[in-house]
Amino acid sequence: MNELPPLLTVEEVRRLIGRHRVGRDQLYKLARQYGMALGKRYLMPRRVVLALLEGRLDELEEKSPAGQSGAA
């Protein structure tokens, strides 16, 4: 999996996981939460995709970047 590019589109993630295993809407939700928008395209960082594949998304929530947790 180290050959993954640093950023993946939602469609690339769907192909990687398998279209029948995860819905497009769910991946867009994850991309909005953990990724970034570039124009009309959402991109997901490799670390997020790997966490998704390994079942570690909860760890990402614990380590959210400063300023995004809502804490003052």
PDB file of N, CA and C in Angstrom:
ATOM      1  N   MET A   1       0.806  -1.202   0.000  1.00  0.00           N
ATOM      2  CA  MET A   1       0.000   0.000   0.000  1.00  0.00           C
ATOM      3  C   MET A   1       0.854   1.273   0.000  1.00  0.00           C
ATOM      4  N   ASN A   2       2.139   1.156   0.173  1.00  0.00           N
ATOM      5  CA  ASN A   2       3.000   2.334   0.162  1.00  0.00           C
ATOM      6  C   ASN A   2       3.087   2.973  -1.213  1.00  0.00           C
ATOM      7  N   GLU A   3       2.620   2.278  -2.249  1.00  0.00           N
ATOM      8  CA  GLU A   3       2.663   2.844  -3.588  1.00  0.00           C
ATOM      9  C   GLU A   3       1.482   3.774  -3.871  1.00  0.00           C
ATOM     10  N   LEU A   4       0.621   3.990  -2.889  1.00  0.00           N
ATOM     11  CA  LEU A   4      -0.496   4.909  -3.063  1.00  0.00           C
ATOM     12  C   LEU A   4       0.025   6.337  -3.175  1.00  0.00           C
ATOM     13  N   PRO A   5      -0.620   7.161  -4.005  1.00  0.00           N
ATOM     14  CA  PRO A   5      -0.220   8.566  -4.085  1.00  0.00           C
ATOM     15  C   PRO A   5      -0.571   9.286  -2.780  1.00  0.00           C
ATOM     16  N   PRO A   6       0.018  10.447  -2.536  1.00  0.00           N
ATOM     17  CA  PRO A   6      -0.251  11.175  -1.289  1.00  0.00           C
ATOM     18  C   PRO A   6      -1.717  11.594  -1.136  1.00  0.00           C
ATOM     19  N   LEU A   7      -2.387  11.882  -2.247  1.00  0.00           N
ATOM     20  CA  LEU A   7      -3.798  12.265  -2.232  1.00  0.00           C
ATOM     21  C   LEU A   7      -4.551  11.425  -3.248  1.00  0.00           C
ATOM     22  N   LEU A   8      -5.737  10.956  -2.863  1.00  0.00           N
ATOM     23  CA  LEU A   8      -6.561  10.145  -3.759  1.00  0.00           C
ATOM     24  C   LEU A   8      -7.931  10.775  -3.897  1.00  0.00           C
ATOM     25  N   THR A   9      -8.512  10.661  -5.085  1.00  0.00           N
ATOM     26  CA  THR A   9      -9.880  11.124  -5.290  1.00  0.00           C
ATOM     27  C   THR A   9     -10.834  10.093  -4.686  1.00  0.00           C
ATOM     28  N   VAL A  10     -12.071  10.502  -4.500  1.00  0.00           N
ATOM     29  CA  VAL A  10     -13.088   9.592  -3.975  1.00  0.00           C
ATOM     30  C   VAL A  10     -13.234   8.389  -4.907  1.00  0.00           C
ATOM     31  N   GLU A  11     -13.214   8.630  -6.201  1.00  0.00           N
ATOM     32  CA  GLU A  11     -13.359   7.534  -7.166  1.00  0.00           C
ATOM     33  C   GLU A  11     -12.183   6.566  -7.081  1.00  0.00           C
ATOM     34  N   GLU A  12     -10.977   7.077  -6.883  1.00  0.00           N
ATOM     35  CA  GLU A  12      -9.814   6.195  -6.737  1.00  0.00           C
ATOM     36  C   GLU A  12      -9.939   5.327  -5.489  1.00  0.00           C
ATOM     37  N   VAL A  13     -10.451   5.909  -4.410  1.00  0.00           N
ATOM     38  CA  VAL A  13     -10.645   5.140  -3.176  1.00  0.00           C
ATOM     39  C   VAL A  13     -11.714   4.075  -3.386  1.00  0.00           C
ATOM     40  N   ARG A  14     -12.779   4.419  -4.092  1.00  0.00           N
ATOM     41  CA  ARG A  14     -13.837   3.431  -4.377  1.00  0.00           C
ATOM     42  C   ARG A  14     -13.302   2.258  -5.176  1.00  0.00           C
ATOM     43  N   ARG A  15     -12.455   2.540  -6.174  1.00  0.00           N
ATOM     44  CA  ARG A  15     -11.868   1.448  -6.968  1.00  0.00           C
ATOM     45  C   ARG A  15     -10.948   0.595  -6.113  1.00  0.00           C
ATOM     46  N   LEU A  16     -10.197   1.234  -5.232  1.00  0.00           N
ATOM     47  CA  LEU A  16      -9.268   0.520  -4.367  1.00  0.00           C
ATOM     48  C   LEU A  16     -10.004  -0.423  -3.417  1.00  0.00           C
ATOM     49  N   ILE A  17     -11.059   0.070  -2.793  1.00  0.00           N
ATOM     50  CA  ILE A  17     -11.813  -0.728  -1.824  1.00  0.00           C
ATOM     51  C   ILE A  17     -12.734  -1.710  -2.525  1.00  0.00           C
ATOM     52  N   GLY A  18     -13.318  -1.285  -3.608  1.00  0.00           N
ATOM     53  CA  GLY A  18     -14.312  -2.077  -4.326  1.00  0.00           C
ATOM     54  C   GLY A  18     -15.642  -1.358  -4.296  1.00  0.00           C
ATOM     55  N   ARG A  19     -16.166  -1.075  -5.472  1.00  0.00           N
ATOM     56  CA  ARG A  19     -17.399  -0.288  -5.578  1.00  0.00           C
ATOM     57  C   ARG A  19     -18.572  -0.912  -4.822  1.00  0.00           C
ATOM     58  N   HIS A  20     -18.623  -2.219  -4.770  1.00  0.00           N
ATOM     59  CA  HIS A  20     -19.741  -2.895  -4.123  1.00  0.00           C
ATOM     60  C   HIS A  20     -19.594  -2.933  -2.596  1.00  0.00           C
ATOM     61  N   ARG A  21     -18.449  -2.512  -2.072  1.00  0.00           N
ATOM     62  CA  ARG A  21     -18.213  -2.586  -0.626  1.00  0.00           C
ATOM     63  C   ARG A  21     -18.471  -1.286   0.115  1.00  0.00           C
ATOM     64  N   VAL A  22     -18.398  -0.180  -0.582  1.00  0.00           N
ATOM     65  CA  VAL A  22     -18.596   1.113   0.072  1.00  0.00           C
ATOM     66  C   VAL A  22     -19.325   2.048  -0.879  1.00  0.00           C
ATOM     67  N   GLY A  23     -20.244   2.812  -0.329  1.00  0.00           N
ATOM     68  CA  GLY A  23     -21.023   3.723  -1.145  1.00  0.00           C
ATOM     69  C   GLY A  23     -20.289   5.023  -1.426  1.00  0.00           C
ATOM     70  N   ARG A  24     -20.616   5.613  -2.542  1.00  0.00           N
ATOM     71  CA  ARG A  24     -20.007   6.879  -2.942  1.00  0.00           C
ATOM     72  C   ARG A  24     -20.316   7.980  -1.936  1.00  0.00           C
ATOM     73  N   ASP A  25     -21.558   8.044  -1.469  1.00  0.00           N
ATOM     74  CA  ASP A  25     -21.948   9.086  -0.517  1.00  0.00           C
ATOM     75  C   ASP A  25     -21.158   8.978   0.786  1.00  0.00           C
ATOM     76  N   GLN A  26     -20.930   7.759   1.251  1.00  0.00           N
ATOM     77  CA  GLN A  26     -20.162   7.561   2.483  1.00  0.00           C
ATOM     78  C   GLN A  26     -18.719   8.039   2.303  1.00  0.00           C
ATOM     79  N   LEU A  27     -18.134   7.757   1.154  1.00  0.00           N
ATOM     80  CA  LEU A  27     -16.764   8.213   0.905  1.00  0.00           C
ATOM     81  C   LEU A  27     -16.688   9.741   0.794  1.00  0.00           C
ATOM     82  N   TYR A  28     -17.697  10.361   0.175  1.00  0.00           N
ATOM     83  CA  TYR A  28     -17.702  11.818   0.126  1.00  0.00           C
ATOM     84  C   TYR A  28     -17.824  12.412   1.532  1.00  0.00           C
ATOM     85  N   LYS A  29     -18.599  11.775   2.380  1.00  0.00           N
ATOM     86  CA  LYS A  29     -18.716  12.231   3.764  1.00  0.00           C
ATOM     87  C   LYS A  29     -17.354  12.158   4.461  1.00  0.00           C
ATOM     88  N   LEU A  30     -16.648  11.054   4.276  1.00  0.00           N
ATOM     89  CA  LEU A  30     -15.307  10.922   4.858  1.00  0.00           C
ATOM     90  C   LEU A  30     -14.339  11.938   4.263  1.00  0.00           C
ATOM     91  N   ALA A  31     -14.445  12.179   2.962  1.00  0.00           N
ATOM     92  CA  ALA A  31     -13.563  13.141   2.306  1.00  0.00           C
ATOM     93  C   ALA A  31     -13.811  14.554   2.834  1.00  0.00           C
ATOM     94  N   ARG A  32     -15.064  14.904   3.078  1.00  0.00           N
ATOM     95  CA  ARG A  32     -15.364  16.222   3.640  1.00  0.00           C
ATOM     96  C   ARG A  32     -14.838  16.336   5.071  1.00  0.00           C
ATOM     97  N   GLN A  33     -14.891  15.240   5.805  1.00  0.00           N
ATOM     98  CA  GLN A  33     -14.468  15.256   7.209  1.00  0.00           C
ATOM     99  C   GLN A  33     -12.945  15.232   7.354  1.00  0.00           C
ATOM    100  N   TYR A  34     -12.264  14.395   6.575  1.00  0.00           N
ATOM    101  CA  TYR A  34     -10.834  14.174   6.774  1.00  0.00           C
ATOM    102  C   TYR A  34      -9.961  14.669   5.627  1.00  0.00           C
ATOM    103  N   GLY A  35     -10.571  14.999   4.505  1.00  0.00           N
ATOM    104  CA  GLY A  35      -9.796  15.384   3.335  1.00  0.00           C
ATOM    105  C   GLY A  35      -9.891  16.865   3.052  1.00  0.00           C
ATOM    106  N   MET A  36      -9.821  17.185   1.770  1.00  0.00           N
ATOM    107  CA  MET A  36      -9.873  18.581   1.355  1.00  0.00           C
ATOM    108  C   MET A  36     -10.567  18.684   0.010  1.00  0.00           C
ATOM    109  N   ALA A  37     -11.111  19.859  -0.233  1.00  0.00           N
ATOM    110  CA  ALA A  37     -11.733  20.133  -1.529  1.00  0.00           C
ATOM    111  C   ALA A  37     -10.763  20.956  -2.350  1.00  0.00           C
ATOM    112  N   LEU A  38     -10.627  20.569  -3.588  1.00  0.00           N
ATOM    113  CA  LEU A  38      -9.811  21.324  -4.537  1.00  0.00           C
ATOM    114  C   LEU A  38     -10.708  21.576  -5.736  1.00  0.00           C
ATOM    115  N   GLY A  39     -11.273  22.752  -5.779  1.00  0.00           N
ATOM    116  CA  GLY A  39     -12.296  23.018  -6.778  1.00  0.00           C
ATOM    117  C   GLY A  39     -13.531  22.198  -6.433  1.00  0.00           C
ATOM    118  N   LYS A  40     -14.012  21.427  -7.392  1.00  0.00           N
ATOM    119  CA  LYS A  40     -15.166  20.558  -7.160  1.00  0.00           C
ATOM    120  C   LYS A  40     -14.754  19.145  -6.760  1.00  0.00           C
ATOM    121  N   ARG A  41     -13.470  18.905  -6.679  1.00  0.00           N
ATOM    122  CA  ARG A  41     -12.958  17.564  -6.398  1.00  0.00           C
ATOM    123  C   ARG A  41     -12.543  17.438  -4.935  1.00  0.00           C
ATOM    124  N   TYR A  42     -12.961  16.349  -4.308  1.00  0.00           N
ATOM    125  CA  TYR A  42     -12.531  16.055  -2.943  1.00  0.00           C
ATOM    126  C   TYR A  42     -11.367  15.081  -3.000  1.00  0.00           C
ATOM    127  N   LEU A  43     -10.345  15.368  -2.186  1.00  0.00           N
ATOM    128  CA  LEU A  43      -9.159  14.528  -2.126  1.00  0.00           C
ATOM    129  C   LEU A  43      -8.976  14.005  -0.708  1.00  0.00           C
ATOM    130  N   MET A  44      -8.572  12.747  -0.620  1.00  0.00           N
ATOM    131  CA  MET A  44      -8.345  12.120   0.679  1.00  0.00           C
ATOM    132  C   MET A  44      -6.861  11.793   0.827  1.00  0.00           C
ATOM    133  N   PRO A  45      -6.255  12.201   1.944  1.00  0.00           N
ATOM    134  CA  PRO A  45      -4.855  11.866   2.175  1.00  0.00           C
ATOM    135  C   PRO A  45      -4.644  10.357   2.295  1.00  0.00           C
ATOM    136  N   ARG A  46      -3.476   9.911   1.901  1.00  0.00           N
ATOM    137  CA  ARG A  46      -3.135   8.489   1.968  1.00  0.00           C
ATOM    138  C   ARG A  46      -3.331   7.943   3.381  1.00  0.00           C
ATOM    139  N   ARG A  47      -2.949   8.704   4.415  1.00  0.00           N
ATOM    140  CA  ARG A  47      -3.071   8.214   5.790  1.00  0.00           C
ATOM    141  C   ARG A  47      -4.530   7.927   6.153  1.00  0.00           C
ATOM    142  N   VAL A  48      -5.455   8.718   5.609  1.00  0.00           N
ATOM    143  CA  VAL A  48      -6.880   8.490   5.868  1.00  0.00           C
ATOM    144  C   VAL A  48      -7.349   7.222   5.166  1.00  0.00           C
ATOM    145  N   VAL A  49      -6.919   7.036   3.928  1.00  0.00           N
ATOM    146  CA  VAL A  49      -7.301   5.834   3.173  1.00  0.00           C
ATOM    147  C   VAL A  49      -6.753   4.585   3.865  1.00  0.00           C
ATOM    148  N   LEU A  50      -5.514   4.643   4.307  1.00  0.00           N
ATOM    149  CA  LEU A  50      -4.930   3.491   5.004  1.00  0.00           C
ATOM    150  C   LEU A  50      -5.657   3.223   6.319  1.00  0.00           C
ATOM    151  N   ALA A  51      -6.014   4.275   7.050  1.00  0.00           N
ATOM    152  CA  ALA A  51      -6.769   4.104   8.288  1.00  0.00           C
ATOM    153  C   ALA A  51      -8.130   3.476   8.009  1.00  0.00           C
ATOM    154  N   LEU A  52      -8.774   3.882   6.931  1.00  0.00           N
ATOM    155  CA  LEU A  52     -10.057   3.301   6.539  1.00  0.00           C
ATOM    156  C   LEU A  52      -9.906   1.821   6.236  1.00  0.00           C
ATOM    157  N   LEU A  53      -8.892   1.467   5.468  1.00  0.00           N
ATOM    158  CA  LEU A  53      -8.677   0.071   5.104  1.00  0.00           C
ATOM    159  C   LEU A  53      -8.319  -0.799   6.314  1.00  0.00           C
ATOM    160  N   GLU A  54      -7.651  -0.200   7.284  1.00  0.00           N
ATOM    161  CA  GLU A  54      -7.215  -0.944   8.471  1.00  0.00           C
ATOM    162  C   GLU A  54      -8.193  -0.833   9.636  1.00  0.00           C
ATOM    163  N   GLY A  55      -9.298  -0.129   9.439  1.00  0.00           N
ATOM    164  CA  GLY A  55     -10.307   0.000  10.495  1.00  0.00           C
ATOM    165  C   GLY A  55      -9.856   0.888  11.638  1.00  0.00           C
ATOM    166  N   ARG A  56      -9.083   1.941  11.328  1.00  0.00           N
ATOM    167  CA  ARG A  56      -8.546   2.816  12.370  1.00  0.00           C
ATOM    168  C   ARG A  56      -9.056   4.249  12.267  1.00  0.00           C
ATOM    169  N   LEU A  57     -10.213   4.471  11.714  1.00  0.00           N
ATOM    170  CA  LEU A  57     -10.715   5.841  11.569  1.00  0.00           C
ATOM    171  C   LEU A  57     -10.915   6.516  12.921  1.00  0.00           C
ATOM    172  N   ASP A  58     -11.245   5.756  13.950  1.00  0.00           N
ATOM    173  CA  ASP A  58     -11.426   6.341  15.275  1.00  0.00           C
ATOM    174  C   ASP A  58     -10.140   6.981  15.789  1.00  0.00           C
ATOM    175  N   GLU A  59      -8.994   6.455  15.403  1.00  0.00           N
ATOM    176  CA  GLU A  59      -7.715   7.052  15.795  1.00  0.00           C
ATOM    177  C   GLU A  59      -7.532   8.424  15.152  1.00  0.00           C
ATOM    178  N   LEU A  60      -8.029   8.613  13.952  1.00  0.00           N
ATOM    179  CA  LEU A  60      -7.916   9.904  13.289  1.00  0.00           C
ATOM    180  C   LEU A  60      -8.707  10.966  14.033  1.00  0.00           C
ATOM    181  N   GLU A  61      -9.852  10.596  14.572  1.00  0.00           N
ATOM    182  CA  GLU A  61     -10.669  11.548  15.318  1.00  0.00           C
ATOM    183  C   GLU A  61      -9.963  11.997  16.580  1.00  0.00           C
ATOM    184  N   GLU A  62      -9.208  11.092  17.207  1.00  0.00           N
ATOM    185  CA  GLU A  62      -8.476  11.429  18.426  1.00  0.00           C
ATOM    186  C   GLU A  62      -7.308  12.353  18.136  1.00  0.00           C
ATOM    187  N   LYS A  63      -6.775  12.297  16.913  1.00  0.00           N
ATOM    188  CA  LYS A  63      -5.597  13.071  16.548  1.00  0.00           C
ATOM    189  C   LYS A  63      -5.934  14.156  15.536  1.00  0.00           C
ATOM    190  N   SER A  64      -7.106  14.778  15.652  1.00  0.00           N
ATOM    191  CA  SER A  64      -7.487  15.802  14.680  1.00  0.00           C
ATOM    192  C   SER A  64      -6.558  17.010  14.810  1.00  0.00           C
ATOM    193  N   PRO A  65      -6.306  17.721  13.702  1.00  0.00           N
ATOM    194  CA  PRO A  65      -5.418  18.874  13.717  1.00  0.00           C
ATOM    195  C   PRO A  65      -5.896  19.967  14.659  1.00  0.00           C
ATOM    196  N   ALA A  66      -4.987  20.743  15.196  1.00  0.00           N
ATOM    197  CA  ALA A  66      -5.324  21.833  16.108  1.00  0.00           C
ATOM    198  C   ALA A  66      -6.266  22.804  15.423  1.00  0.00           C
ATOM    199  N   GLY A  67      -7.213  23.299  16.191  1.00  0.00           N
ATOM    200  CA  GLY A  67      -8.151  24.278  15.654  1.00  0.00           C
ATOM    201  C   GLY A  67      -9.387  23.654  15.054  1.00  0.00           C
ATOM    202  N   GLN A  68      -9.436  22.336  14.873  1.00  0.00           N
ATOM    203  CA  GLN A  68     -10.607  21.701  14.286  1.00  0.00           C
ATOM    204  C   GLN A  68     -11.427  20.937  15.312  1.00  0.00           C
ATOM    205  N   SER A  69     -10.972  20.863  16.537  1.00  0.00           N
ATOM    206  CA  SER A  69     -11.680  20.091  17.545  1.00  0.00           C
ATOM    207  C   SER A  69     -12.813  20.859  18.190  1.00  0.00           C
ATOM    208  N   GLY A  70     -12.848  22.188  17.987  1.00  0.00           N
ATOM    209  CA  GLY A  70     -13.887  22.997  18.586  1.00  0.00           C
ATOM    210  C   GLY A  70     -13.515  23.466  19.985  1.00  0.00           C
ATOM    211  N   ALA A  71     -12.400  23.010  20.528  1.00  0.00           N
ATOM    212  CA  ALA A  71     -11.975  23.424  21.861  1.00  0.00           C
ATOM    213  C   ALA A  71     -11.308  24.786  21.787  1.00  0.00           C
ATOM    214  N   ALA A  72     -11.528  25.601  22.806  1.00  0.00           N
ATOM    215  CA  ALA A  72     -10.920  26.932  22.821  1.00  0.00           C
ATOM    216  C   ALA A  72      -9.620  26.945  23.566  1.00  0.00           C
TER     217      ALA A  72
END
